[in-house]
């Protein structure tokens, strides 16, 4: 019997996707806001530019995590998105 995928909703576009396809941002109880780790309240984003811009413009990450999201975390998300976009282009 196969396992059902774990679904999560993007905070920007509200699409329901497999957790493995989304970027995870967590408000960790010790380290503040971190990417891809930690224990605590989490928010998920689609790995595309539009969702990151929407989440920044409407403060969706801050609302979902119930705290301020540092600029460094947003910059790390941007770098990760740029890396995700460039990788498929290099494969061609």
PDB file of N, CA and C in Angstrom:
ATOM      1  N   UNK A   1       0.839  -1.177   0.000  1.00  0.00           N
ATOM      2  CA  UNK A   1       0.000   0.000   0.000  1.00  0.00           C
ATOM      3  C   UNK A   1       0.887   1.244   0.000  1.00  0.00           C
ATOM      4  N   UNK A   2       0.658   2.134  -0.963  1.00  0.00           N
ATOM      5  CA  UNK A   2       1.484   3.331  -1.059  1.00  0.00           C
ATOM      6  C   UNK A   2       1.008   4.389  -0.068  1.00  0.00           C
ATOM      7  N   UNK A   3       1.975   5.204   0.378  1.00  0.00           N
ATOM      8  CA  UNK A   3       1.639   6.254   1.328  1.00  0.00           C
ATOM      9  C   UNK A   3       1.073   7.466   0.595  1.00  0.00           C
ATOM     10  N   UNK A   4       0.139   8.136   1.237  1.00  0.00           N
ATOM     11  CA  UNK A   4      -0.415   9.354   0.660  1.00  0.00           C
ATOM     12  C   UNK A   4       0.597  10.475   0.820  1.00  0.00           C
ATOM     13  N   UNK A   5       0.664  11.369  -0.161  1.00  0.00           N
ATOM     14  CA  UNK A   5       1.592  12.503  -0.027  1.00  0.00           C
ATOM     15  C   UNK A   5       1.130  13.446   1.084  1.00  0.00           C
ATOM     16  N   UNK A   6       2.097  14.124   1.686  1.00  0.00           N
ATOM     17  CA  UNK A   6       1.796  15.107   2.720  1.00  0.00           C
ATOM     18  C   UNK A   6       1.587  16.444   2.008  1.00  0.00           C
ATOM     19  N   UNK A   7       0.387  16.980   2.105  1.00  0.00           N
ATOM     20  CA  UNK A   7       0.039  18.202   1.385  1.00  0.00           C
ATOM     21  C   UNK A   7       0.116  19.423   2.291  1.00  0.00           C
ATOM     22  N   UNK A   8       0.616  20.517   1.726  1.00  0.00           N
ATOM     23  CA  UNK A   8       0.671  21.790   2.422  1.00  0.00           C
ATOM     24  C   UNK A   8       0.214  22.881   1.458  1.00  0.00           C
ATOM     25  N   UNK A   9      -0.223  24.014   1.996  1.00  0.00           N
ATOM     26  CA  UNK A   9      -0.750  25.101   1.174  1.00  0.00           C
ATOM     27  C   UNK A   9       0.245  26.253   1.134  1.00  0.00           C
ATOM     28  N   UNK A  10       0.489  26.779  -0.061  1.00  0.00           N
ATOM     29  CA  UNK A  10       1.347  27.949  -0.239  1.00  0.00           C
ATOM     30  C   UNK A  10       0.650  29.164   0.383  1.00  0.00           C
ATOM     31  N   UNK A  11       1.385  29.953   1.173  1.00  0.00           N
ATOM     32  CA  UNK A  11       0.776  31.105   1.838  1.00  0.00           C
ATOM     33  C   UNK A  11       0.430  32.219   0.850  1.00  0.00           C
ATOM     34  N   UNK A  12       1.054  32.237  -0.327  1.00  0.00           N
ATOM     35  CA  UNK A  12       0.808  33.303  -1.298  1.00  0.00           C
ATOM     36  C   UNK A  12      -0.326  32.960  -2.267  1.00  0.00           C
ATOM     37  N   UNK A  13      -0.177  31.867  -3.009  1.00  0.00           N
ATOM     38  CA  UNK A  13      -1.166  31.536  -4.044  1.00  0.00           C
ATOM     39  C   UNK A  13      -2.256  30.589  -3.553  1.00  0.00           C
ATOM     40  N   UNK A  14      -2.071  30.020  -2.363  1.00  0.00           N
ATOM     41  CA  UNK A  14      -3.054  29.130  -1.717  1.00  0.00           C
ATOM     42  C   UNK A  14      -3.214  27.779  -2.422  1.00  0.00           C
ATOM     43  N   UNK A  15      -2.269  27.411  -3.316  1.00  0.00           N
ATOM     44  CA  UNK A  15      -2.328  26.098  -3.961  1.00  0.00           C
ATOM     45  C   UNK A  15      -1.941  25.021  -2.963  1.00  0.00           C
ATOM     46  N   UNK A  16      -2.593  23.896  -3.060  1.00  0.00           N
ATOM     47  CA  UNK A  16      -2.307  22.748  -2.211  1.00  0.00           C
ATOM     48  C   UNK A  16      -1.357  21.831  -2.971  1.00  0.00           C
ATOM     49  N   UNK A  17      -0.133  21.657  -2.457  1.00  0.00           N
ATOM     50  CA  UNK A  17       0.902  20.874  -3.136  1.00  0.00           C
ATOM     51  C   UNK A  17       1.570  19.916  -2.167  1.00  0.00           C
ATOM     52  N   UNK A  18       2.302  18.967  -2.740  1.00  0.00           N
ATOM     53  CA  UNK A  18       3.110  18.056  -1.937  1.00  0.00           C
ATOM     54  C   UNK A  18       4.156  18.869  -1.175  1.00  0.00           C
ATOM     55  N   UNK A  19       4.357  18.531   0.065  1.00  0.00           N
ATOM     56  CA  UNK A  19       5.295  19.271   0.930  1.00  0.00           C
ATOM     57  C   UNK A  19       6.698  19.320   0.334  1.00  0.00           C
ATOM     58  N   UNK A  20       7.103  18.276  -0.393  1.00  0.00           N
ATOM     59  CA  UNK A  20       8.448  18.224  -0.974  1.00  0.00           C
ATOM     60  C   UNK A  20       8.662  19.264  -2.069  1.00  0.00           C
ATOM     61  N   UNK A  21       7.574  19.763  -2.666  1.00  0.00           N
ATOM     62  CA  UNK A  21       7.679  20.730  -3.757  1.00  0.00           C
ATOM     63  C   UNK A  21       7.724  22.172  -3.267  1.00  0.00           C
ATOM     64  N   UNK A  22       7.529  22.400  -1.978  1.00  0.00           N
ATOM     65  CA  UNK A  22       7.430  23.749  -1.433  1.00  0.00           C
ATOM     66  C   UNK A  22       8.655  24.127  -0.608  1.00  0.00           C
ATOM     67  N   UNK A  23       8.879  25.412  -0.460  1.00  0.00           N
ATOM     68  CA  UNK A  23       9.931  25.930   0.417  1.00  0.00           C
ATOM     69  C   UNK A  23       9.329  26.133   1.802  1.00  0.00           C
ATOM     70  N   UNK A  24      10.019  25.642   2.812  1.00  0.00           N
ATOM     71  CA  UNK A  24       9.508  25.709   4.179  1.00  0.00           C
ATOM     72  C   UNK A  24      10.236  26.791   4.967  1.00  0.00           C
ATOM     73  N   UNK A  25       9.459  27.651   5.627  1.00  0.00           N
ATOM     74  CA  UNK A  25       9.996  28.687   6.506  1.00  0.00           C
ATOM     75  C   UNK A  25       9.411  28.422   7.887  1.00  0.00           C
ATOM     76  N   UNK A  26      10.277  28.325   8.899  1.00  0.00           N
ATOM     77  CA  UNK A  26       9.840  27.941  10.243  1.00  0.00           C
ATOM     78  C   UNK A  26      10.226  28.993  11.267  1.00  0.00           C
ATOM     79  N   UNK A  27       9.300  29.284  12.159  1.00  0.00           N
ATOM     80  CA  UNK A  27       9.618  30.105  13.332  1.00  0.00           C
ATOM     81  C   UNK A  27      10.037  29.139  14.426  1.00  0.00           C
ATOM     82  N   UNK A  28      11.337  28.994  14.569  1.00  0.00           N
ATOM     83  CA  UNK A  28      11.899  28.041  15.521  1.00  0.00           C
ATOM     84  C   UNK A  28      11.882  28.646  16.920  1.00  0.00           C
ATOM     85  N   UNK A  29      11.623  27.832  17.897  1.00  0.00           N
ATOM     86  CA  UNK A  29      11.541  28.346  19.271  1.00  0.00           C
ATOM     87  C   UNK A  29      12.898  28.786  19.814  1.00  0.00           C
ATOM     88  N   UNK A  30      14.003  28.357  19.190  1.00  0.00           N
ATOM     89  CA  UNK A  30      15.338  28.753  19.665  1.00  0.00           C
ATOM     90  C   UNK A  30      16.033  29.718  18.719  1.00  0.00           C
ATOM     91  N   UNK A  31      15.993  29.430  17.424  1.00  0.00           N
ATOM     92  CA  UNK A  31      16.832  30.140  16.456  1.00  0.00           C
ATOM     93  C   UNK A  31      16.133  31.254  15.690  1.00  0.00           C
ATOM     94  N   UNK A  32      14.912  31.587  16.012  1.00  0.00           N
ATOM     95  CA  UNK A  32      14.195  32.607  15.248  1.00  0.00           C
ATOM     96  C   UNK A  32      13.589  32.002  13.990  1.00  0.00           C
ATOM     97  N   UNK A  33      13.645  32.713  12.879  1.00  0.00           N
ATOM     98  CA  UNK A  33      13.067  32.239  11.619  1.00  0.00           C
ATOM     99  C   UNK A  33      14.158  31.548  10.808  1.00  0.00           C
ATOM    100  N   UNK A  34      13.908  30.294  10.405  1.00  0.00           N
ATOM    101  CA  UNK A  34      14.888  29.507   9.657  1.00  0.00           C
ATOM    102  C   UNK A  34      14.221  28.868   8.434  1.00  0.00           C
ATOM    103  N   UNK A  35      15.064  28.462   7.479  1.00  0.00           N
ATOM    104  CA  UNK A  35      14.591  27.748   6.297  1.00  0.00           C
ATOM    105  C   UNK A  35      14.852  26.259   6.444  1.00  0.00           C
ATOM    106  N   UNK A  36      13.916  25.461   5.987  1.00  0.00           N
ATOM    107  CA  UNK A  36      14.079  24.003   5.884  1.00  0.00           C
ATOM    108  C   UNK A  36      14.489  23.314   7.176  1.00  0.00           C
ATOM    109  N   UNK A  37      14.023  23.768   8.281  1.00  0.00           N
ATOM    110  CA  UNK A  37      14.398  23.069   9.498  1.00  0.00           C
ATOM    111  C   UNK A  37      13.733  23.666  10.711  1.00  0.00           C
ATOM    112  N   UNK A  38      14.134  23.148  11.849  1.00  0.00           N
ATOM    113  CA  UNK A  38      13.616  23.666  13.099  1.00  0.00           C
ATOM    114  C   UNK A  38      12.262  23.077  13.456  1.00  0.00           C
ATOM    115  N   UNK A  39      11.912  23.284  14.701  1.00  0.00           N
ATOM    116  CA  UNK A  39      10.623  22.822  15.201  1.00  0.00           C
ATOM    117  C   UNK A  39       9.814  24.060  15.565  1.00  0.00           C
ATOM    118  N   UNK A  40       8.570  24.093  15.156  1.00  0.00           N
ATOM    119  CA  UNK A  40       7.722  25.220  15.491  1.00  0.00           C
ATOM    120  C   UNK A  40       6.737  25.522  14.387  1.00  0.00           C
ATOM    121  N   UNK A  41       6.194  26.709  14.414  1.00  0.00           N
ATOM    122  CA  UNK A  41       5.197  27.133  13.421  1.00  0.00           C
ATOM    123  C   UNK A  41       5.866  27.271  12.059  1.00  0.00           C
ATOM    124  N   UNK A  42       5.241  26.692  11.026  1.00  0.00           N
ATOM    125  CA  UNK A  42       5.823  26.706   9.685  1.00  0.00           C
ATOM    126  C   UNK A  42       4.876  27.329   8.671  1.00  0.00           C
ATOM    127  N   UNK A  43       5.472  27.870   7.621  1.00  0.00           N
ATOM    128  CA  UNK A  43       4.733  28.388   6.475  1.00  0.00           C
ATOM    129  C   UNK A  43       5.433  27.861   5.224  1.00  0.00           C
ATOM    130  N   UNK A  44       4.676  27.675   4.167  1.00  0.00           N
ATOM    131  CA  UNK A  44       5.217  27.110   2.933  1.00  0.00           C
ATOM    132  C   UNK A  44       4.988  28.054   1.771  1.00  0.00           C
ATOM    133  N   UNK A  45       5.963  28.060   0.831  1.00  0.00           N
ATOM    134  CA  UNK A  45       5.895  28.894  -0.361  1.00  0.00           C
ATOM    135  C   UNK A  45       6.211  28.058  -1.591  1.00  0.00           C
ATOM    136  N   UNK A  46       5.495  28.327  -2.683  1.00  0.00           N
ATOM    137  CA  UNK A  46       5.838  27.717  -3.966  1.00  0.00           C
ATOM    138  C   UNK A  46       7.217  28.232  -4.388  1.00  0.00           C
ATOM    139  N   UNK A  47       7.991  27.412  -5.063  1.00  0.00           N
ATOM    140  CA  UNK A  47       9.327  27.866  -5.489  1.00  0.00           C
ATOM    141  C   UNK A  47       9.268  28.702  -6.770  1.00  0.00           C
ATOM    142  N   UNK A  48       8.541  29.803  -6.744  1.00  0.00           N
ATOM    143  CA  UNK A  48       8.529  30.708  -7.892  1.00  0.00           C
ATOM    144  C   UNK A  48       8.536  32.154  -7.421  1.00  0.00           C
ATOM    145  N   UNK A  49       8.968  33.016  -8.317  1.00  0.00           N
ATOM    146  CA  UNK A  49       9.172  34.440  -8.015  1.00  0.00           C
ATOM    147  C   UNK A  49       7.870  35.136  -7.622  1.00  0.00           C
ATOM    148  N   UNK A  50       6.779  34.806  -8.302  1.00  0.00           N
ATOM    149  CA  UNK A  50       5.500  35.480  -8.051  1.00  0.00           C
ATOM    150  C   UNK A  50       5.026  35.252  -6.616  1.00  0.00           C
ATOM    151  N   UNK A  51       5.146  34.023  -6.134  1.00  0.00           N
ATOM    152  CA  UNK A  51       4.690  33.726  -4.770  1.00  0.00           C
ATOM    153  C   UNK A  51       5.544  34.429  -3.719  1.00  0.00           C
ATOM    154  N   UNK A  52       6.847  34.522  -3.958  1.00  0.00           N
ATOM    155  CA  UNK A  52       7.716  35.235  -3.014  1.00  0.00           C
ATOM    156  C   UNK A  52       7.358  36.721  -2.984  1.00  0.00           C
ATOM    157  N   UNK A  53       7.160  37.317  -4.160  1.00  0.00           N
ATOM    158  CA  UNK A  53       6.794  38.733  -4.220  1.00  0.00           C
ATOM    159  C   UNK A  53       5.444  38.981  -3.546  1.00  0.00           C
ATOM    160  N   UNK A  54       4.479  38.117  -3.810  1.00  0.00           N
ATOM    161  CA  UNK A  54       3.151  38.256  -3.209  1.00  0.00           C
ATOM    162  C   UNK A  54       3.228  38.136  -1.682  1.00  0.00           C
ATOM    163  N   UNK A  55       4.012  37.169  -1.208  1.00  0.00           N
ATOM    164  CA  UNK A  55       4.117  36.974   0.237  1.00  0.00           C
ATOM    165  C   UNK A  55       4.805  38.161   0.915  1.00  0.00           C
ATOM    166  N   UNK A  56       5.756  38.789   0.228  1.00  0.00           N
ATOM    167  CA  UNK A  56       6.420  39.978   0.782  1.00  0.00           C
ATOM    168  C   UNK A  56       5.491  41.179   0.750  1.00  0.00           C
ATOM    169  N   UNK A  57       4.811  41.367  -0.368  1.00  0.00           N
ATOM    170  CA  UNK A  57       3.950  42.539  -0.528  1.00  0.00           C
ATOM    171  C   UNK A  57       2.786  42.531   0.461  1.00  0.00           C
ATOM    172  N   UNK A  58       2.186  41.371   0.655  1.00  0.00           N
ATOM    173  CA  UNK A  58       1.021  41.274   1.540  1.00  0.00           C
ATOM    174  C   UNK A  58       1.362  40.741   2.941  1.00  0.00           C
ATOM    175  N   UNK A  59       2.663  40.578   3.206  1.00  0.00           N
ATOM    176  CA  UNK A  59       3.153  40.121   4.515  1.00  0.00           C
ATOM    177  C   UNK A  59       2.532  38.782   4.924  1.00  0.00           C
ATOM    178  N   UNK A  60       2.448  37.875   3.961  1.00  0.00           N
ATOM    179  CA  UNK A  60       1.831  36.568   4.226  1.00  0.00           C
ATOM    180  C   UNK A  60       2.683  35.705   5.147  1.00  0.00           C
ATOM    181  N   UNK A  61       4.014  35.762   4.983  1.00  0.00           N
ATOM    182  CA  UNK A  61       4.879  34.969   5.865  1.00  0.00           C
ATOM    183  C   UNK A  61       4.788  35.466   7.302  1.00  0.00           C
ATOM    184  N   UNK A  62       4.806  36.780   7.486  1.00  0.00           N
ATOM    185  CA  UNK A  62       4.708  37.341   8.835  1.00  0.00           C
ATOM    186  C   UNK A  62       3.395  36.929   9.496  1.00  0.00           C
ATOM    187  N   UNK A  63       2.300  36.977   8.740  1.00  0.00           N
ATOM    188  CA  UNK A  63       1.000  36.614   9.295  1.00  0.00           C
ATOM    189  C   UNK A  63       0.937  35.133   9.635  1.00  0.00           C
ATOM    190  N   UNK A  64       1.472  34.287   8.744  1.00  0.00           N
ATOM    191  CA  UNK A  64       1.427  32.848   8.981  1.00  0.00           C
ATOM    192  C   UNK A  64       2.311  32.432  10.158  1.00  0.00           C
ATOM    193  N   UNK A  65       3.483  33.060  10.278  1.00  0.00           N
ATOM    194  CA  UNK A  65       4.415  32.708  11.348  1.00  0.00           C
ATOM    195  C   UNK A  65       4.163  33.484  12.635  1.00  0.00           C
ATOM    196  N   UNK A  66       3.335  34.522  12.550  1.00  0.00           N
ATOM    197  CA  UNK A  66       3.011  35.373  13.699  1.00  0.00           C
ATOM    198  C   UNK A  66       4.248  36.031  14.304  1.00  0.00           C
ATOM    199  N   UNK A  67       5.161  36.467  13.423  1.00  0.00           N
ATOM    200  CA  UNK A  67       6.359  37.190  13.861  1.00  0.00           C
ATOM    201  C   UNK A  67       6.947  37.926  12.659  1.00  0.00           C
ATOM    202  N   UNK A  68       7.916  38.795  12.921  1.00  0.00           N
ATOM    203  CA  UNK A  68       8.617  39.487  11.846  1.00  0.00           C
ATOM    204  C   UNK A  68       9.574  38.516  11.165  1.00  0.00           C
ATOM    205  N   UNK A  69       9.644  38.576   9.842  1.00  0.00           N
ATOM    206  CA  UNK A  69      10.582  37.752   9.079  1.00  0.00           C
ATOM    207  C   UNK A  69      11.763  38.639   8.699  1.00  0.00           C
ATOM    208  N   UNK A  70      12.976  38.286   9.149  1.00  0.00           N
ATOM    209  CA  UNK A  70      14.147  39.117   8.852  1.00  0.00           C
ATOM    210  C   UNK A  70      14.426  39.194   7.352  1.00  0.00           C
ATOM    211  N   UNK A  71      15.008  40.319   6.923  1.00  0.00           N
ATOM    212  CA  UNK A  71      15.376  40.489   5.508  1.00  0.00           C
ATOM    213  C   UNK A  71      16.337  39.404   5.053  1.00  0.00           C
ATOM    214  N   UNK A  72      17.185  38.930   5.948  1.00  0.00           N
ATOM    215  CA  UNK A  72      18.157  37.889   5.577  1.00  0.00           C
ATOM    216  C   UNK A  72      17.452  36.609   5.133  1.00  0.00           C
ATOM    217  N   UNK A  73      16.332  36.274   5.761  1.00  0.00           N
ATOM    218  CA  UNK A  73      15.584  35.077   5.380  1.00  0.00           C
ATOM    219  C   UNK A  73      14.950  35.265   4.001  1.00  0.00           C
ATOM    220  N   UNK A  74      14.411  36.451   3.741  1.00  0.00           N
ATOM    221  CA  UNK A  74      13.825  36.747   2.428  1.00  0.00           C
ATOM    222  C   UNK A  74      14.911  36.686   1.352  1.00  0.00           C
ATOM    223  N   UNK A  75      16.097  37.204   1.657  1.00  0.00           N
ATOM    224  CA  UNK A  75      17.211  37.160   0.707  1.00  0.00           C
ATOM    225  C   UNK A  75      17.645  35.719   0.439  1.00  0.00           C
ATOM    226  N   UNK A  76      17.666  34.890   1.485  1.00  0.00           N
ATOM    227  CA  UNK A  76      18.010  33.471   1.293  1.00  0.00           C
ATOM    228  C   UNK A  76      16.968  32.782   0.423  1.00  0.00           C
ATOM    229  N   UNK A  77      15.693  33.096   0.623  1.00  0.00           N
ATOM    230  CA  UNK A  77      14.634  32.544  -0.232  1.00  0.00           C
ATOM    231  C   UNK A  77      14.845  32.971  -1.684  1.00  0.00           C
ATOM    232  N   UNK A  78      15.205  34.237  -1.885  1.00  0.00           N
ATOM    233  CA  UNK A  78      15.441  34.750  -3.234  1.00  0.00           C
ATOM    234  C   UNK A  78      16.604  34.011  -3.900  1.00  0.00           C
ATOM    235  N   UNK A  79      17.682  33.798  -3.161  1.00  0.00           N
ATOM    236  CA  UNK A  79      18.831  33.060  -3.702  1.00  0.00           C
ATOM    237  C   UNK A  79      18.442  31.640  -4.062  1.00  0.00           C
ATOM    238  N   UNK A  80      17.662  31.012  -3.199  1.00  0.00           N
ATOM    239  CA  UNK A  80      17.236  29.644  -3.455  1.00  0.00           C
ATOM    240  C   UNK A  80      16.343  29.573  -4.689  1.00  0.00           C
ATOM    241  N   UNK A  81      15.470  30.558  -4.870  1.00  0.00           N
ATOM    242  CA  UNK A  81      14.623  30.611  -6.060  1.00  0.00           C
ATOM    243  C   UNK A  81      15.471  30.787  -7.313  1.00  0.00           C
ATOM    244  N   UNK A  82      16.443  31.679  -7.256  1.00  0.00           N
ATOM    245  CA  UNK A  82      17.326  31.890  -8.405  1.00  0.00           C
ATOM    246  C   UNK A  82      18.069  30.613  -8.751  1.00  0.00           C
ATOM    247  N   UNK A  83      18.499  29.868  -7.744  1.00  0.00           N
ATOM    248  CA  UNK A  83      19.190  28.603  -7.966  1.00  0.00           C
ATOM    249  C   UNK A  83      18.249  27.577  -8.597  1.00  0.00           C
ATOM    250  N   UNK A  84      17.005  27.518  -8.131  1.00  0.00           N
ATOM    251  CA  UNK A  84      16.013  26.581  -8.669  1.00  0.00           C
ATOM    252  C   UNK A  84      15.681  26.904 -10.118  1.00  0.00           C
ATOM    253  N   UNK A  85      15.640  28.194 -10.445  1.00  0.00           N
ATOM    254  CA  UNK A  85      15.317  28.609 -11.819  1.00  0.00           C
ATOM    255  C   UNK A  85      16.484  28.318 -12.750  1.00  0.00           C
ATOM    256  N   UNK A  86      17.723  28.540 -12.305  1.00  0.00           N
ATOM    257  CA  UNK A  86      18.900  28.346 -13.144  1.00  0.00           C
ATOM    258  C   UNK A  86      19.204  26.869 -13.382  1.00  0.00           C
ATOM    259  N   UNK A  87      18.950  26.011 -12.418  1.00  0.00           N
ATOM    260  CA  UNK A  87      19.289  24.587 -12.538  1.00  0.00           C
ATOM    261  C   UNK A  87      18.600  23.919 -13.733  1.00  0.00           C
ATOM    262  N   UNK A  88      17.288  24.066 -13.950  1.00  0.00           N
ATOM    263  CA  UNK A  88      16.676  23.429 -15.118  1.00  0.00           C
ATOM    264  C   UNK A  88      17.191  23.995 -16.425  1.00  0.00           C
ATOM    265  N   UNK A  89      17.540  25.293 -16.458  1.00  0.00           N
ATOM    266  CA  UNK A  89      18.062  25.899 -17.677  1.00  0.00           C
ATOM    267  C   UNK A  89      19.418  25.304 -18.036  1.00  0.00           C
ATOM    268  N   UNK A  90      20.234  24.971 -17.035  1.00  0.00           N
ATOM    269  CA  UNK A  90      21.542  24.378 -17.285  1.00  0.00           C
ATOM    270  C   UNK A  90      21.420  22.954 -17.798  1.00  0.00           C
ATOM    271  N   UNK A  91      20.350  22.260 -17.455  1.00  0.00           N
ATOM    272  CA  UNK A  91      20.176  20.859 -17.836  1.00  0.00           C
ATOM    273  C   UNK A  91      19.884  20.728 -19.331  1.00  0.00           C
ATOM    274  N   UNK A  92      19.434  21.819 -19.971  1.00  0.00           N
ATOM    275  CA  UNK A  92      19.070  21.735 -21.384  1.00  0.00           C
ATOM    276  C   UNK A  92      20.252  21.624 -22.271  1.00  0.00           C
TER     277      UNK A  92
END
